[in-house]
Amino acid sequence: MIHSTQPTIHLGREEYAIYTGQVSSSFAPILAGITYPDPGYEIYRSRGDCYVFEYVLSGRGQVRQDRETVTVKAGDAYILQPGRCHHYHADQDDPWTKIWLNVNGSLVGHLLSDYQLDNVLVIPSFADSSFLAAILHQIEAEPIHCAGELALLLHRYIHALSAFLGNEASCQSRAITMKNFIEQNIARPLTIDDIAGCVPLSRSRAIHLFRESYSITPYRYYLNLRLELAKSLLERTSLSIQEISDRLGFVDYHHFSSFFKKEYGCSPTSYRRQWGSPGPGA
């Protein structure tokens, strides 16, 4: 029922739903379910082969990943990562009831990294089972064609876990870091990968986070700053168009002129004429 490498498994009563639709290397749901109290419940994987998201509804248990061991109780959530040793079992006196999801794919790893949960085992007192419940119900209702909805639901769950741990402040600081990076490198060519890499975040997460903070994408902010600087140099200096192009890090004069005309409807030369020709050193 639960895929593993060299597993030792003792399962009590469980209800589960298996995802039977298409999978990809990016996102591959496996199954979700609920485990009911059994003092003998135990799972050991010497090398887990999927991400495991679990939430304790009632009771207690113990979870170990590699050398880290924690006791979890009702209201706690925890995350197990593939490629690591997993050993978890119910408390014999107060065995847990828990809801869970097994899933694979690079998207999951990127989300955990972006939300700073890739090295987090337990989220104590999270006290919200609705996210995993929604995932379970989605697989039960539509086990074949629900991958997109499952990815969205999992994204919301990971975001909620991160926010609960106080990582929202860190998200804001990352947006500020990207903004500062753009402003400090305005005179050289930048790509969205350059901007996202300064944090670091995935491209999609960087765009989302920056837009949340500044209501504009990071690359559009970068372009706007370059345009404002270009206008200022045209208006206030006697630098040639070629010199301005070089200062702003464009490939050549024609690239700069085309970029400027696309944004303002006139060439840099025409724009400068509107403001007059400043004298040397102006």
C-alpha atoms as a PDB file:
ATOM      1  CA  MET A   1       0.000   0.000   0.000  1.00  0.00           C
ATOM      2  CA  ILE A   2       2.828   2.423   0.824  1.00  0.00           C
ATOM      3  CA  HIS A   3       5.793   2.198  -1.525  1.00  0.00           C
ATOM      4  CA  SER A   4       9.146   1.885   0.210  1.00  0.00           C
ATOM      5  CA  THR A   5      12.641   0.492   0.005  1.00  0.00           C
ATOM      6  CA  GLN A   6      13.346  -2.474   2.329  1.00  0.00           C
ATOM      7  CA  PRO A   7      10.266  -1.674   4.420  1.00  0.00           C
ATOM      8  CA  THR A   8       9.097  -3.000   7.736  1.00  0.00           C
ATOM      9  CA  ILE A   9       5.402  -2.217   7.923  1.00  0.00           C
ATOM     10  CA  HIS A  10       2.738  -2.966  10.484  1.00  0.00           C
ATOM     11  CA  LEU A  11      -0.510  -1.227   9.619  1.00  0.00           C
ATOM     12  CA  GLY A  12      -3.757  -1.171  11.510  1.00  0.00           C
ATOM     13  CA  ARG A  13      -7.049  -0.114  10.001  1.00  0.00           C
ATOM     14  CA  GLU A  14      -6.752   2.496   7.271  1.00  0.00           C
ATOM     15  CA  GLU A  15      -8.938   4.180   4.716  1.00  0.00           C
ATOM     16  CA  TYR A  16      -7.173   5.464   1.639  1.00  0.00           C
ATOM     17  CA  ALA A  17      -7.665   6.683  -1.920  1.00  0.00           C
ATOM     18  CA  ILE A  18      -5.211   5.925  -4.746  1.00  0.00           C
ATOM     19  CA  TYR A  19      -4.455   8.436  -7.458  1.00  0.00           C
ATOM     20  CA  THR A  20      -4.700   6.661 -10.832  1.00  0.00           C
ATOM     21  CA  GLY A  21      -4.187   9.512 -13.293  1.00  0.00           C
ATOM     22  CA  GLN A  22      -1.150  10.593 -15.286  1.00  0.00           C
ATOM     23  CA  VAL A  23       2.039  11.538 -13.464  1.00  0.00           C
ATOM     24  CA  SER A  24       5.215  13.333 -14.453  1.00  0.00           C
ATOM     25  CA  SER A  25       8.658  13.953 -13.033  1.00  0.00           C
ATOM     26  CA  SER A  26       7.324  17.319 -11.864  1.00  0.00           C
ATOM     27  CA  PHE A  27       4.303  16.068  -9.935  1.00  0.00           C
ATOM     28  CA  ALA A  28       3.267  12.513  -9.117  1.00  0.00           C
ATOM     29  CA  PRO A  29       0.565  11.984  -6.475  1.00  0.00           C
ATOM     30  CA  ILE A  30       0.473   8.446  -5.079  1.00  0.00           C
ATOM     31  CA  LEU A  31      -2.235   8.082  -2.438  1.00  0.00           C
ATOM     32  CA  ALA A  32      -3.796   9.715   0.608  1.00  0.00           C
ATOM     33  CA  GLY A  33      -5.626   8.283   3.570  1.00  0.00           C
ATOM     34  CA  ILE A  34      -6.479   8.128   7.246  1.00  0.00           C
ATOM     35  CA  THR A  35      -4.851   5.778   9.765  1.00  0.00           C
ATOM     36  CA  TYR A  36      -6.938   4.762  12.793  1.00  0.00           C
ATOM     37  CA  PRO A  37      -5.617   3.909  16.289  1.00  0.00           C
ATOM     38  CA  ASP A  38      -3.525   0.743  16.597  1.00  0.00           C
ATOM     39  CA  PRO A  39      -0.814   0.454  19.296  1.00  0.00           C
ATOM     40  CA  GLY A  40       1.204  -1.816  17.008  1.00  0.00           C
ATOM     41  CA  TYR A  41       1.313   0.566  14.050  1.00  0.00           C
ATOM     42  CA  GLU A  42       4.890   0.946  12.749  1.00  0.00           C
ATOM     43  CA  ILE A  43       6.600   1.844   9.478  1.00  0.00           C
ATOM     44  CA  TYR A  44      10.306   1.657   8.718  1.00  0.00           C
ATOM     45  CA  ARG A  45      11.918   2.597   5.406  1.00  0.00           C
ATOM     46  CA  SER A  46      15.691   2.523   5.104  1.00  0.00           C
ATOM     47  CA  ARG A  47      15.418   4.895   2.151  1.00  0.00           C
ATOM     48  CA  GLY A  48      12.054   6.532   1.600  1.00  0.00           C
ATOM     49  CA  ASP A  49      11.070   6.962  -2.044  1.00  0.00           C
ATOM     50  CA  CYS A  50       8.431   9.707  -1.731  1.00  0.00           C
ATOM     51  CA  TYR A  51       7.418  12.801   0.206  1.00  0.00           C
ATOM     52  CA  VAL A  52       5.108  12.012   3.118  1.00  0.00           C
ATOM     53  CA  PHE A  53       2.878  14.729   4.581  1.00  0.00           C
ATOM     54  CA  GLU A  54       1.094  13.687   7.770  1.00  0.00           C
ATOM     55  CA  TYR A  55      -1.096  15.380  10.357  1.00  0.00           C
ATOM     56  CA  VAL A  56      -2.010  13.869  13.737  1.00  0.00           C
ATOM     57  CA  LEU A  57      -5.742  14.114  14.380  1.00  0.00           C
ATOM     58  CA  SER A  58      -5.655  12.499  17.831  1.00  0.00           C
ATOM     59  CA  GLY A  59      -3.343  10.463  20.037  1.00  0.00           C
ATOM     60  CA  ARG A  60       0.435  10.401  19.888  1.00  0.00           C
ATOM     61  CA  GLY A  61       3.333   8.803  18.059  1.00  0.00           C
ATOM     62  CA  GLN A  62       7.058   9.000  17.451  1.00  0.00           C
ATOM     63  CA  VAL A  63       8.726   9.992  14.174  1.00  0.00           C
ATOM     64  CA  ARG A  64      12.347   9.583  13.186  1.00  0.00           C
ATOM     65  CA  GLN A  65      13.980  10.821   9.990  1.00  0.00           C
ATOM     66  CA  ASP A  66      17.658   9.904   9.746  1.00  0.00           C
ATOM     67  CA  ARG A  67      19.018  10.915  13.185  1.00  0.00           C
ATOM     68  CA  GLU A  68      16.244  13.337  14.156  1.00  0.00           C
ATOM     69  CA  THR A  69      13.531  11.925  16.415  1.00  0.00           C
ATOM     70  CA  VAL A  70      10.426  13.766  17.629  1.00  0.00           C
ATOM     71  CA  THR A  71       7.286  12.861  19.557  1.00  0.00           C
ATOM     72  CA  VAL A  72       4.161  14.162  17.848  1.00  0.00           C
ATOM     73  CA  LYS A  73       0.667  14.660  19.227  1.00  0.00           C
ATOM     74  CA  ALA A  74      -2.769  15.798  18.104  1.00  0.00           C
ATOM     75  CA  GLY A  75      -2.501  19.025  16.107  1.00  0.00           C
ATOM     76  CA  ASP A  76       1.083  18.419  14.921  1.00  0.00           C
ATOM     77  CA  ALA A  77       2.056  18.101  11.260  1.00  0.00           C
ATOM     78  CA  TYR A  78       5.236  16.555   9.918  1.00  0.00           C
ATOM     79  CA  ILE A  79       7.001  16.089   6.586  1.00  0.00           C
ATOM     80  CA  LEU A  80       9.213  13.175   5.544  1.00  0.00           C
ATOM     81  CA  GLN A  81      11.569  13.557   2.585  1.00  0.00           C
ATOM     82  CA  PRO A  82      12.573  10.941  -0.004  1.00  0.00           C
ATOM     83  CA  GLY A  83      16.023   9.437   0.146  1.00  0.00           C
ATOM     84  CA  ARG A  84      16.098   9.463   3.953  1.00  0.00           C
ATOM     85  CA  CYS A  85      15.554   6.839   6.608  1.00  0.00           C
ATOM     86  CA  HIS A  86      11.998   6.910   8.001  1.00  0.00           C
ATOM     87  CA  HIS A  87      10.858   5.171  11.165  1.00  0.00           C
ATOM     88  CA  TYR A  88       7.569   6.114  12.785  1.00  0.00           C
ATOM     89  CA  HIS A  89       5.137   4.365  15.066  1.00  0.00           C
ATOM     90  CA  ALA A  90       2.077   4.946  17.213  1.00  0.00           C
ATOM     91  CA  ASP A  91       2.239   5.454  20.964  1.00  0.00           C
ATOM     92  CA  GLN A  92       1.178   2.179  22.575  1.00  0.00           C
ATOM     93  CA  ASP A  93      -0.911   3.828  25.306  1.00  0.00           C
ATOM     94  CA  ASP A  94      -2.446   6.577  23.166  1.00  0.00           C
ATOM     95  CA  PRO A  95      -2.107   5.488  19.504  1.00  0.00           C
ATOM     96  CA  TRP A  96      -2.633   8.155  16.919  1.00  0.00           C
ATOM     97  CA  THR A  97      -5.240   8.804  14.271  1.00  0.00           C
ATOM     98  CA  LYS A  98      -3.618  10.629  11.376  1.00  0.00           C
ATOM     99  CA  ILE A  99      -4.351  11.859   7.877  1.00  0.00           C
ATOM    100  CA  TRP A 100      -1.636  11.698   5.248  1.00  0.00           C
ATOM    101  CA  LEU A 101      -0.487  12.135   1.661  1.00  0.00           C
ATOM    102  CA  ASN A 102       2.270  10.337  -0.258  1.00  0.00           C
ATOM    103  CA  VAL A 103       3.512  12.230  -3.309  1.00  0.00           C
ATOM    104  CA  ASN A 104       6.551  12.614  -5.565  1.00  0.00           C
ATOM    105  CA  GLY A 105       7.917  15.124  -8.048  1.00  0.00           C
ATOM    106  CA  SER A 106      10.367  17.990  -8.406  1.00  0.00           C
ATOM    107  CA  LEU A 107       7.561  20.521  -7.854  1.00  0.00           C
ATOM    108  CA  VAL A 108       7.179  19.315  -4.269  1.00  0.00           C
ATOM    109  CA  GLY A 109      10.870  19.732  -3.583  1.00  0.00           C
ATOM    110  CA  HIS A 110      10.895  23.227  -5.108  1.00  0.00           C
ATOM    111  CA  LEU A 111       7.910  24.307  -3.023  1.00  0.00           C
ATOM    112  CA  LEU A 112       9.435  23.014   0.200  1.00  0.00           C
ATOM    113  CA  SER A 113      12.694  24.781  -0.600  1.00  0.00           C
ATOM    114  CA  ASP A 114      11.013  28.032  -1.619  1.00  0.00           C
ATOM    115  CA  TYR A 115       8.959  28.095   1.565  1.00  0.00           C
ATOM    116  CA  GLN A 116      11.970  27.126   3.716  1.00  0.00           C
ATOM    117  CA  LEU A 117      10.530  23.775   4.796  1.00  0.00           C
ATOM    118  CA  ASP A 118      13.071  21.484   3.142  1.00  0.00           C
ATOM    119  CA  ASN A 119      14.871  20.923   6.455  1.00  0.00           C
ATOM    120  CA  VAL A 120      11.796  20.997   8.703  1.00  0.00           C
ATOM    121  CA  LEU A 121      10.543  17.699  10.140  1.00  0.00           C
ATOM    122  CA  VAL A 122       7.689  18.713  12.436  1.00  0.00           C
ATOM    123  CA  ILE A 123       5.365  21.716  12.569  1.00  0.00           C
ATOM    124  CA  PRO A 124       4.044  21.540  16.149  1.00  0.00           C
ATOM    125  CA  SER A 125       0.526  22.709  17.060  1.00  0.00           C
ATOM    126  CA  PHE A 126      -0.380  23.556  13.461  1.00  0.00           C
ATOM    127  CA  ALA A 127      -3.951  22.511  14.344  1.00  0.00           C
ATOM    128  CA  ASP A 128      -5.510  22.471  10.878  1.00  0.00           C
ATOM    129  CA  SER A 129      -6.324  19.199   9.149  1.00  0.00           C
ATOM    130  CA  SER A 130      -8.472  20.796   6.431  1.00  0.00           C
ATOM    131  CA  PHE A 131      -5.689  20.941   3.818  1.00  0.00           C
ATOM    132  CA  LEU A 132      -4.920  17.225   3.821  1.00  0.00           C
ATOM    133  CA  ALA A 133      -8.629  16.444   4.178  1.00  0.00           C
ATOM    134  CA  ALA A 134      -9.309  18.431   0.999  1.00  0.00           C
ATOM    135  CA  ILE A 135      -6.553  16.509  -0.818  1.00  0.00           C
ATOM    136  CA  LEU A 136      -7.964  13.160   0.317  1.00  0.00           C
ATOM    137  CA  HIS A 137     -11.492  14.119  -0.702  1.00  0.00           C
ATOM    138  CA  GLN A 138     -10.250  15.315  -4.105  1.00  0.00           C
ATOM    139  CA  ILE A 139      -8.594  11.970  -4.851  1.00  0.00           C
ATOM    140  CA  GLU A 140     -11.692  10.117  -3.653  1.00  0.00           C
ATOM    141  CA  ALA A 141     -13.959  12.221  -5.868  1.00  0.00           C
ATOM    142  CA  GLU A 142     -11.813  12.215  -9.017  1.00  0.00           C
ATOM    143  CA  PRO A 143      -8.809   9.857  -8.859  1.00  0.00           C
ATOM    144  CA  ILE A 144      -7.866  10.233 -12.541  1.00  0.00           C
ATOM    145  CA  HIS A 145      -8.104  13.893 -13.556  1.00  0.00           C
ATOM    146  CA  CYS A 146      -7.255  15.800 -10.382  1.00  0.00           C
ATOM    147  CA  ALA A 147      -3.484  16.351 -10.657  1.00  0.00           C
ATOM    148  CA  GLY A 148      -3.792  20.102 -11.264  1.00  0.00           C
ATOM    149  CA  GLU A 149      -6.143  20.568  -8.339  1.00  0.00           C
ATOM    150  CA  LEU A 150      -3.943  18.418  -6.091  1.00  0.00           C
ATOM    151  CA  ALA A 151      -0.877  20.514  -6.960  1.00  0.00           C
ATOM    152  CA  LEU A 152      -2.793  23.679  -6.062  1.00  0.00           C
ATOM    153  CA  LEU A 153      -4.067  22.211  -2.787  1.00  0.00           C
ATOM    154  CA  LEU A 154      -0.595  21.015  -1.815  1.00  0.00           C
ATOM    155  CA  HIS A 155       0.863  24.445  -2.640  1.00  0.00           C
ATOM    156  CA  ARG A 156      -1.706  26.042  -0.306  1.00  0.00           C
ATOM    157  CA  TYR A 157      -0.868  23.548   2.433  1.00  0.00           C
ATOM    158  CA  ILE A 158       2.885  24.164   2.185  1.00  0.00           C
ATOM    159  CA  HIS A 159       2.288  27.926   2.196  1.00  0.00           C
ATOM    160  CA  ALA A 160       0.103  27.613   5.315  1.00  0.00           C
ATOM    161  CA  LEU A 161       2.743  25.529   7.126  1.00  0.00           C
ATOM    162  CA  SER A 162       5.439  28.063   6.256  1.00  0.00           C
ATOM    163  CA  ALA A 163       3.302  31.019   7.332  1.00  0.00           C
ATOM    164  CA  PHE A 164       2.513  29.271  10.617  1.00  0.00           C
ATOM    165  CA  LEU A 165       6.228  28.935  11.342  1.00  0.00           C
ATOM    166  CA  GLY A 166       6.687  32.641  10.732  1.00  0.00           C
ATOM    167  CA  ASN A 167       8.402  32.380   7.377  1.00  0.00           C
ATOM    168  CA  GLU A 168       6.253  35.169   5.898  1.00  0.00           C
ATOM    169  CA  ALA A 169       8.680  37.722   7.304  1.00  0.00           C
ATOM    170  CA  SER A 170      11.436  35.871   5.510  1.00  0.00           C
ATOM    171  CA  CYS A 171       9.409  35.988   2.290  1.00  0.00           C
ATOM    172  CA  GLN A 172       9.181  39.764   2.610  1.00  0.00           C
ATOM    173  CA  SER A 173      12.922  40.014   3.183  1.00  0.00           C
ATOM    174  CA  ARG A 174      13.507  37.969   0.023  1.00  0.00           C
ATOM    175  CA  ALA A 175      11.395  40.399  -1.982  1.00  0.00           C
ATOM    176  CA  ILE A 176      13.466  43.264  -0.591  1.00  0.00           C
ATOM    177  CA  THR A 177      16.676  41.397  -1.451  1.00  0.00           C
ATOM    178  CA  MET A 178      15.524  40.976  -5.056  1.00  0.00           C
ATOM    179  CA  LYS A 179      14.574  44.655  -5.274  1.00  0.00           C
ATOM    180  CA  ASN A 180      17.975  45.715  -3.942  1.00  0.00           C
ATOM    181  CA  PHE A 181      19.741  43.335  -6.320  1.00  0.00           C
ATOM    182  CA  ILE A 182      17.901  44.832  -9.307  1.00  0.00           C
ATOM    183  CA  GLU A 183      18.666  48.391  -8.259  1.00  0.00           C
ATOM    184  CA  GLN A 184      22.349  47.612  -7.679  1.00  0.00           C
ATOM    185  CA  ASN A 185      22.691  45.915 -11.079  1.00  0.00           C
ATOM    186  CA  ILE A 186      20.534  48.182 -13.200  1.00  0.00           C
ATOM    187  CA  ALA A 187      23.396  48.949 -15.601  1.00  0.00           C
ATOM    188  CA  ARG A 188      23.958  45.363 -16.659  1.00  0.00           C
ATOM    189  CA  PRO A 189      21.812  42.805 -18.486  1.00  0.00           C
ATOM    190  CA  LEU A 190      19.707  40.712 -16.097  1.00  0.00           C
ATOM    191  CA  THR A 191      17.384  37.759 -16.650  1.00  0.00           C
ATOM    192  CA  ILE A 192      14.615  36.564 -14.363  1.00  0.00           C
ATOM    193  CA  ASP A 193      16.887  33.628 -13.517  1.00  0.00           C
ATOM    194  CA  ASP A 194      19.570  36.083 -12.333  1.00  0.00           C
ATOM    195  CA  ILE A 195      17.041  37.868 -10.130  1.00  0.00           C
ATOM    196  CA  ALA A 196      15.517  34.677  -8.696  1.00  0.00           C
ATOM    197  CA  GLY A 197      18.983  33.221  -8.164  1.00  0.00           C
ATOM    198  CA  CYS A 198      20.064  36.015  -5.814  1.00  0.00           C
ATOM    199  CA  VAL A 199      17.641  34.780  -3.136  1.00  0.00           C
ATOM    200  CA  PRO A 200      17.520  31.880  -4.246  1.00  0.00           C
ATOM    201  CA  LEU A 201      14.017  30.915  -5.426  1.00  0.00           C
ATOM    202  CA  SER A 202      12.461  29.215  -8.404  1.00  0.00           C
ATOM    203  CA  ARG A 203      11.438  31.567 -11.210  1.00  0.00           C
ATOM    204  CA  SER A 204       7.710  31.150 -10.553  1.00  0.00           C
ATOM    205  CA  ARG A 205       8.067  31.629  -6.798  1.00  0.00           C
ATOM    206  CA  ALA A 206      10.273  34.706  -7.234  1.00  0.00           C
ATOM    207  CA  ILE A 207       7.735  36.313  -9.566  1.00  0.00           C
ATOM    208  CA  HIS A 208       4.844  35.507  -7.221  1.00  0.00           C
ATOM    209  CA  LEU A 209       6.623  36.764  -4.108  1.00  0.00           C
ATOM    210  CA  PHE A 210       7.864  39.995  -5.726  1.00  0.00           C
ATOM    211  CA  ARG A 211       4.444  40.766  -7.202  1.00  0.00           C
ATOM    212  CA  GLU A 212       2.809  40.218  -3.800  1.00  0.00           C
ATOM    213  CA  SER A 213       5.125  42.801  -2.257  1.00  0.00           C
ATOM    214  CA  TYR A 214       5.346  45.403  -5.036  1.00  0.00           C
ATOM    215  CA  SER A 215       2.384  44.723  -7.386  1.00  0.00           C
ATOM    216  CA  ILE A 216       4.757  44.274 -10.330  1.00  0.00           C
ATOM    217  CA  THR A 217       6.902  41.422 -11.608  1.00  0.00           C
ATOM    218  CA  PRO A 218      10.633  41.656 -10.840  1.00  0.00           C
ATOM    219  CA  TYR A 219      11.602  41.740 -14.501  1.00  0.00           C
ATOM    220  CA  ARG A 220       9.099  44.520 -15.287  1.00  0.00           C
ATOM    221  CA  TYR A 221      10.486  46.475 -12.334  1.00  0.00           C
ATOM    222  CA  TYR A 222      13.977  46.016 -13.774  1.00  0.00           C
ATOM    223  CA  LEU A 223      12.862  47.211 -17.214  1.00  0.00           C
ATOM    224  CA  ASN A 224      11.085  50.235 -15.748  1.00  0.00           C
ATOM    225  CA  LEU A 225      14.207  51.291 -13.870  1.00  0.00           C
ATOM    226  CA  ARG A 226      16.333  50.988 -17.003  1.00  0.00           C
ATOM    227  CA  LEU A 227      13.867  53.105 -18.938  1.00  0.00           C
ATOM    228  CA  GLU A 228      13.822  55.795 -16.260  1.00  0.00           C
ATOM    229  CA  LEU A 229      17.607  55.865 -16.193  1.00  0.00           C
ATOM    230  CA  ALA A 230      17.742  56.051 -19.987  1.00  0.00           C
ATOM    231  CA  LYS A 231      15.312  58.994 -19.996  1.00  0.00           C
ATOM    232  CA  SER A 232      17.323  60.787 -17.327  1.00  0.00           C
ATOM    233  CA  LEU A 233      20.575  60.359 -19.278  1.00  0.00           C
ATOM    234  CA  LEU A 234      18.911  61.591 -22.469  1.00  0.00           C
ATOM    235  CA  GLU A 235      17.433  64.628 -20.734  1.00  0.00           C
ATOM    236  CA  ARG A 236      20.286  65.676 -18.473  1.00  0.00           C
ATOM    237  CA  THR A 237      23.546  64.679 -20.150  1.00  0.00           C
ATOM    238  CA  SER A 238      25.336  65.148 -23.461  1.00  0.00           C
ATOM    239  CA  LEU A 239      26.249  61.474 -23.675  1.00  0.00           C
ATOM    240  CA  SER A 240      25.757  60.036 -27.125  1.00  0.00           C
ATOM    241  CA  ILE A 241      23.063  57.410 -27.704  1.00  0.00           C
ATOM    242  CA  GLN A 242      25.843  54.848 -28.117  1.00  0.00           C
ATOM    243  CA  GLU A 243      27.403  55.830 -24.782  1.00  0.00           C
ATOM    244  CA  ILE A 244      24.037  55.582 -23.017  1.00  0.00           C
ATOM    245  CA  SER A 245      23.474  52.192 -24.612  1.00  0.00           C
ATOM    246  CA  ASP A 246      26.869  51.041 -23.361  1.00  0.00           C
ATOM    247  CA  ARG A 247      26.257  52.385 -19.837  1.00  0.00           C
ATOM    248  CA  LEU A 248      22.980  50.502 -19.595  1.00  0.00           C
ATOM    249  CA  GLY A 249      24.543  47.260 -20.732  1.00  0.00           C
ATOM    250  CA  PHE A 250      22.640  46.814 -23.985  1.00  0.00           C
ATOM    251  CA  VAL A 251      24.092  44.541 -26.624  1.00  0.00           C
ATOM    252  CA  ASP A 252      24.351  47.416 -29.101  1.00  0.00           C
ATOM    253  CA  TYR A 253      22.895  50.782 -30.107  1.00  0.00           C
ATOM    254  CA  HIS A 254      20.154  49.197 -32.233  1.00  0.00           C
ATOM    255  CA  HIS A 255      18.952  46.982 -29.388  1.00  0.00           C
ATOM    256  CA  PHE A 256      18.710  49.972 -27.055  1.00  0.00           C
ATOM    257  CA  SER A 257      16.947  52.123 -29.649  1.00  0.00           C
ATOM    258  CA  SER A 258      14.432  49.379 -30.432  1.00  0.00           C
ATOM    259  CA  PHE A 259      13.737  48.754 -26.743  1.00  0.00           C
ATOM    260  CA  PHE A 260      13.224  52.467 -26.053  1.00  0.00           C
ATOM    261  CA  LYS A 261      10.962  53.007 -29.073  1.00  0.00           C
ATOM    262  CA  LYS A 262       8.809  50.000 -28.185  1.00  0.00           C
ATOM    263  CA  GLU A 263       8.145  51.446 -24.724  1.00  0.00           C
ATOM    264  CA  TYR A 264       7.748  55.153 -25.564  1.00  0.00           C
ATOM    265  CA  GLY A 265       6.750  55.223 -29.212  1.00  0.00           C
ATOM    266  CA  CYS A 266       9.750  57.268 -30.301  1.00  0.00           C
ATOM    267  CA  SER A 267      13.472  56.753 -30.733  1.00  0.00           C
ATOM    268  CA  PRO A 268      15.996  57.943 -28.131  1.00  0.00           C
ATOM    269  CA  THR A 269      17.103  60.629 -30.601  1.00  0.00           C
ATOM    270  CA  SER A 270      13.545  61.934 -31.047  1.00  0.00           C
ATOM    271  CA  TYR A 271      12.994  61.888 -27.305  1.00  0.00           C
ATOM    272  CA  ARG A 272      16.151  63.945 -26.744  1.00  0.00           C
ATOM    273  CA  ARG A 273      15.028  66.533 -29.305  1.00  0.00           C
ATOM    274  CA  GLN A 274      11.861  67.115 -27.282  1.00  0.00           C
ATOM    275  CA  TRP A 275      14.023  68.156 -24.339  1.00  0.00           C
ATOM    276  CA  GLY A 276      16.613  70.110 -26.281  1.00  0.00           C
ATOM    277  CA  SER A 277      20.280  69.277 -26.605  1.00  0.00           C
ATOM    278  CA  PRO A 278      22.121  69.805 -23.332  1.00  0.00           C
ATOM    279  CA  GLY A 279      25.555  71.343 -23.489  1.00  0.00           C
ATOM    280  CA  PRO A 280      28.717  69.481 -22.539  1.00  0.00           C
ATOM    281  CA  GLY A 281      28.734  68.511 -18.907  1.00  0.00           C
ATOM    282  CA  ALA A 282      25.032  69.285 -18.537  1.00  0.00           C
END
